[in-house]
Amino acid sequence: MRAARMITALVALVTTACTPLPQKKADGRVDEPLPATTTTVPQLPPRPRDLPLDQVDPCAVLSEEQRLQLSIDHAPSPYVETSFGNAKACTMRSGISGNVVRFALVTVEGLGVWLSENAQVDARPTTVGGFPGLTVRTPGLDEVCNVEVDVAQGQFLDVMFRDGGNKTKVSQDILCQGAQRVAEAAVAGLLQRG
């Protein structure tokens, strides 16, 4: 019995010794230790199939009919997006709404890049035409919203939707709705081609 009490006292002593003591400051305040925090990475559902982007023309992702349905009335303009590993990209403008759409066909890294701590964005899971995706908002950039679609292993479709300089500022929630709508049309277009 005496040995059991000694072991209990020893365990209590070790536990107490391993717990950091609150630090007393010069003004008499005491800082309590901060609780441990954990970051959870959302689990995305599997892709229904692969839609590789290697041979896709970003300016042909949307058909002319789809562009008209989305009020995109200016000609698509191709370029290379260096921030995504020289991804093929295309920008399109709506003279009707004043908004701008940009597609980047990222083939050098997967969607997980948006979920790392280094991304420093607010990335929330969404579904785009049955494919897993993320709605991405970048702190301090409220005139833009991105929807990222996981289309193949190590590849994703980046859809950026931004305010193109409208007289009345468009809310980011509306921009995210626009990005989702354009992403849905883009996935439908890719499915028709593939």
Protein backbone atom coordinates (compact mmCIF):
# COMPACT_ATOMS: atom_id res chain seq x y z
CA MET A 1 0.00 0.00 0.00
CA ARG A 2 2.80 2.35 0.92
CA ALA A 3 4.57 1.59 -2.42
CA ALA A 4 1.37 2.42 -4.35
CA ARG A 5 1.14 5.83 -2.60
CA MET A 6 4.78 6.55 -3.41
CA ILE A 7 4.27 5.68 -7.09
CA THR A 8 1.17 7.92 -7.23
CA ALA A 9 3.09 10.77 -5.63
CA LEU A 10 6.02 10.23 -8.01
CA VAL A 11 3.68 10.32 -11.07
CA ALA A 12 2.09 13.53 -9.76
CA LEU A 13 5.52 15.07 -9.21
CA VAL A 14 6.71 14.16 -12.74
CA THR A 15 3.49 15.44 -14.31
CA THR A 16 3.79 18.73 -12.45
CA ALA A 17 7.45 19.08 -13.36
CA CYS A 18 6.65 18.67 -17.09
CA THR A 19 3.94 21.34 -17.10
CA PRO A 20 5.29 24.84 -17.81
CA LEU A 21 4.60 27.32 -15.06
CA PRO A 22 2.82 30.57 -15.85
CA GLN A 23 5.29 33.44 -16.18
CA LYS A 24 4.90 36.44 -13.89
CA LYS A 25 5.52 39.82 -15.58
CA ALA A 26 6.97 42.98 -14.02
CA ASP A 27 3.49 44.52 -13.71
CA GLY A 28 2.25 41.50 -11.72
CA ARG A 29 0.20 39.96 -14.57
CA VAL A 30 0.58 36.26 -15.24
CA ASP A 31 0.58 34.82 -18.78
CA GLU A 32 -1.08 31.44 -18.91
CA PRO A 33 0.38 28.90 -21.36
CA LEU A 34 -1.39 28.91 -24.73
CA PRO A 35 -3.41 25.80 -25.59
CA ALA A 36 -2.09 23.63 -28.40
CA THR A 37 -3.73 24.33 -31.76
CA THR A 38 -4.23 22.04 -34.70
CA THR A 39 -5.01 22.82 -38.31
CA THR A 40 -7.30 20.48 -40.16
CA VAL A 41 -6.94 20.08 -43.89
CA PRO A 42 -10.26 19.34 -45.59
CA GLN A 43 -10.52 15.96 -47.25
CA LEU A 44 -11.71 16.28 -50.82
CA PRO A 45 -13.81 13.58 -52.47
CA PRO A 46 -12.29 11.55 -55.31
CA ARG A 47 -12.54 12.72 -58.92
CA PRO A 48 -15.24 10.96 -60.94
CA ARG A 49 -12.68 10.60 -63.76
CA ASP A 50 -9.53 12.28 -65.05
CA LEU A 51 -9.65 15.27 -67.39
CA PRO A 52 -5.97 15.85 -68.26
CA LEU A 53 -5.17 19.42 -69.32
CA ASP A 54 -1.91 18.80 -71.22
CA GLN A 55 -3.40 19.11 -74.72
CA VAL A 56 -6.17 21.62 -73.92
CA ASP A 57 -6.31 25.15 -75.36
CA PRO A 58 -7.34 27.40 -72.44
CA CYS A 59 -9.17 29.76 -74.78
CA ALA A 60 -11.26 26.85 -76.09
CA VAL A 61 -12.39 25.58 -72.67
CA LEU A 62 -15.65 27.51 -73.15
CA SER A 63 -17.50 27.26 -76.42
CA GLU A 64 -18.72 30.43 -78.09
CA GLU A 65 -22.25 29.53 -76.98
CA GLN A 66 -21.11 29.12 -73.36
CA ARG A 67 -19.30 32.46 -73.47
CA LEU A 68 -22.49 34.17 -74.70
CA GLN A 69 -24.53 32.50 -71.93
CA LEU A 70 -22.02 33.87 -69.41
CA SER A 71 -22.09 37.36 -71.03
CA ILE A 72 -18.43 37.09 -72.04
CA ASP A 73 -18.48 39.15 -75.20
CA HIS A 74 -14.81 40.05 -75.79
CA ALA A 75 -12.42 37.77 -77.68
CA PRO A 76 -10.33 35.39 -75.54
CA SER A 77 -6.67 36.35 -75.15
CA PRO A 78 -4.09 33.57 -74.53
CA TYR A 79 -0.92 34.01 -72.48
CA VAL A 80 1.40 32.11 -70.13
CA GLU A 81 0.83 32.34 -66.37
CA THR A 82 4.31 32.26 -64.82
CA SER A 83 3.05 32.03 -61.23
CA PHE A 84 1.67 28.55 -62.02
CA GLY A 85 4.79 27.06 -63.62
CA ASN A 86 4.24 28.64 -67.04
CA ALA A 87 0.70 27.32 -67.28
CA LYS A 88 -1.24 27.93 -70.46
CA ALA A 89 -3.79 30.62 -69.61
CA CYS A 90 -6.54 32.68 -71.21
CA THR A 91 -8.32 35.83 -70.13
CA MET A 92 -11.78 36.95 -71.26
CA ARG A 93 -13.75 40.10 -70.50
CA SER A 94 -17.42 40.89 -70.30
CA GLY A 95 -18.31 44.33 -71.62
CA ILE A 96 -21.81 43.69 -70.27
CA SER A 97 -20.93 43.04 -66.61
CA GLY A 98 -17.44 44.56 -66.60
CA ASN A 99 -16.01 41.40 -65.03
CA VAL A 100 -12.98 39.43 -66.19
CA VAL A 101 -12.51 35.65 -66.32
CA ARG A 102 -9.12 33.95 -66.43
CA PHE A 103 -8.40 30.24 -66.91
CA ALA A 104 -5.02 28.72 -66.07
CA LEU A 105 -4.39 25.07 -66.90
CA VAL A 106 -1.99 24.02 -64.15
CA THR A 107 -0.10 20.82 -64.97
CA VAL A 108 2.90 21.03 -62.61
CA GLU A 109 1.18 20.62 -59.22
CA GLY A 110 -2.05 19.41 -57.72
CA LEU A 111 -4.85 21.13 -55.86
CA GLY A 112 -3.10 20.50 -52.53
CA VAL A 113 -0.95 23.58 -53.13
CA TRP A 114 -3.95 25.65 -52.00
CA LEU A 115 -4.29 23.67 -48.77
CA SER A 116 -0.74 24.12 -47.51
CA GLU A 117 0.06 26.62 -44.75
CA ASN A 118 2.25 28.51 -47.22
CA ALA A 119 -0.74 29.36 -49.43
CA GLN A 120 -2.09 31.85 -46.83
CA VAL A 121 -5.57 31.84 -48.37
CA ASP A 122 -9.06 30.94 -47.27
CA ALA A 123 -9.72 27.74 -49.27
CA ARG A 124 -13.10 26.08 -48.80
CA PRO A 125 -14.25 22.82 -50.37
CA THR A 126 -16.78 22.93 -53.19
CA THR A 127 -17.94 20.61 -55.97
CA VAL A 128 -17.76 21.63 -59.62
CA GLY A 129 -19.64 19.41 -62.06
CA GLY A 130 -19.05 16.44 -59.77
CA PHE A 131 -15.32 17.19 -59.41
CA PRO A 132 -13.72 18.21 -56.10
CA GLY A 133 -12.72 21.83 -55.89
CA LEU A 134 -11.91 24.77 -53.68
CA THR A 135 -13.28 28.29 -53.51
CA VAL A 136 -10.23 30.42 -52.75
CA ARG A 137 -10.29 33.91 -51.28
CA THR A 138 -7.01 35.73 -50.77
CA PRO A 139 -6.93 38.05 -47.74
CA GLY A 140 -6.69 41.68 -48.82
CA LEU A 141 -7.81 40.97 -52.40
CA ASP A 142 -11.57 41.34 -52.20
CA GLU A 143 -11.97 42.24 -55.91
CA VAL A 144 -11.18 38.65 -56.98
CA CYS A 145 -12.29 35.07 -56.27
CA ASN A 146 -10.84 31.81 -57.57
CA VAL A 147 -12.34 28.37 -57.97
CA GLU A 148 -9.82 25.56 -58.31
CA VAL A 149 -10.95 22.24 -59.81
CA ASP A 150 -9.11 18.94 -59.29
CA VAL A 151 -9.23 17.47 -62.81
CA ALA A 152 -6.32 14.97 -62.85
CA GLN A 153 -3.43 13.72 -60.73
CA GLY A 154 -1.08 16.70 -60.24
CA GLN A 155 -3.26 19.01 -62.35
CA PHE A 156 -5.99 21.54 -61.67
CA LEU A 157 -8.06 24.12 -63.50
CA ASP A 158 -7.72 27.59 -62.00
CA VAL A 159 -10.73 29.83 -62.65
CA MET A 160 -10.26 33.44 -61.57
CA PHE A 161 -13.22 35.83 -61.63
CA ARG A 162 -12.53 39.48 -60.86
CA ASP A 163 -14.05 42.91 -60.94
CA GLY A 164 -12.77 44.56 -64.11
CA GLY A 165 -13.10 48.11 -62.78
CA ASN A 166 -16.85 48.53 -62.46
CA LYS A 167 -18.18 51.89 -61.26
CA THR A 168 -20.04 50.08 -58.50
CA LYS A 169 -17.81 47.65 -56.63
CA VAL A 170 -18.89 44.00 -56.90
CA SER A 171 -18.89 42.09 -53.59
CA GLN A 172 -16.54 39.15 -53.24
CA ASP A 173 -19.50 36.84 -52.57
CA ILE A 174 -20.92 37.75 -56.01
CA LEU A 175 -17.48 37.25 -57.58
CA CYS A 176 -17.24 33.79 -56.00
CA GLN A 177 -20.67 32.92 -57.38
CA GLY A 178 -19.46 34.04 -60.81
CA ALA A 179 -16.28 31.96 -60.48
CA GLN A 180 -18.35 28.90 -59.53
CA ARG A 181 -20.70 29.41 -62.50
CA VAL A 182 -17.80 29.79 -64.95
CA ALA A 183 -16.00 26.77 -63.44
CA GLU A 184 -19.17 24.66 -63.89
CA ALA A 185 -19.34 25.71 -67.56
CA ALA A 186 -15.62 24.99 -68.02
CA VAL A 187 -15.91 21.47 -66.57
CA ALA A 188 -18.94 20.82 -68.79
CA GLY A 189 -16.85 21.98 -71.77
CA LEU A 190 -13.93 19.75 -70.79
CA LEU A 191 -16.25 16.76 -70.39
CA GLN A 192 -17.65 17.29 -73.88
CA ARG A 193 -14.14 17.33 -75.34
CA GLY A 194 -12.77 14.44 -73.32
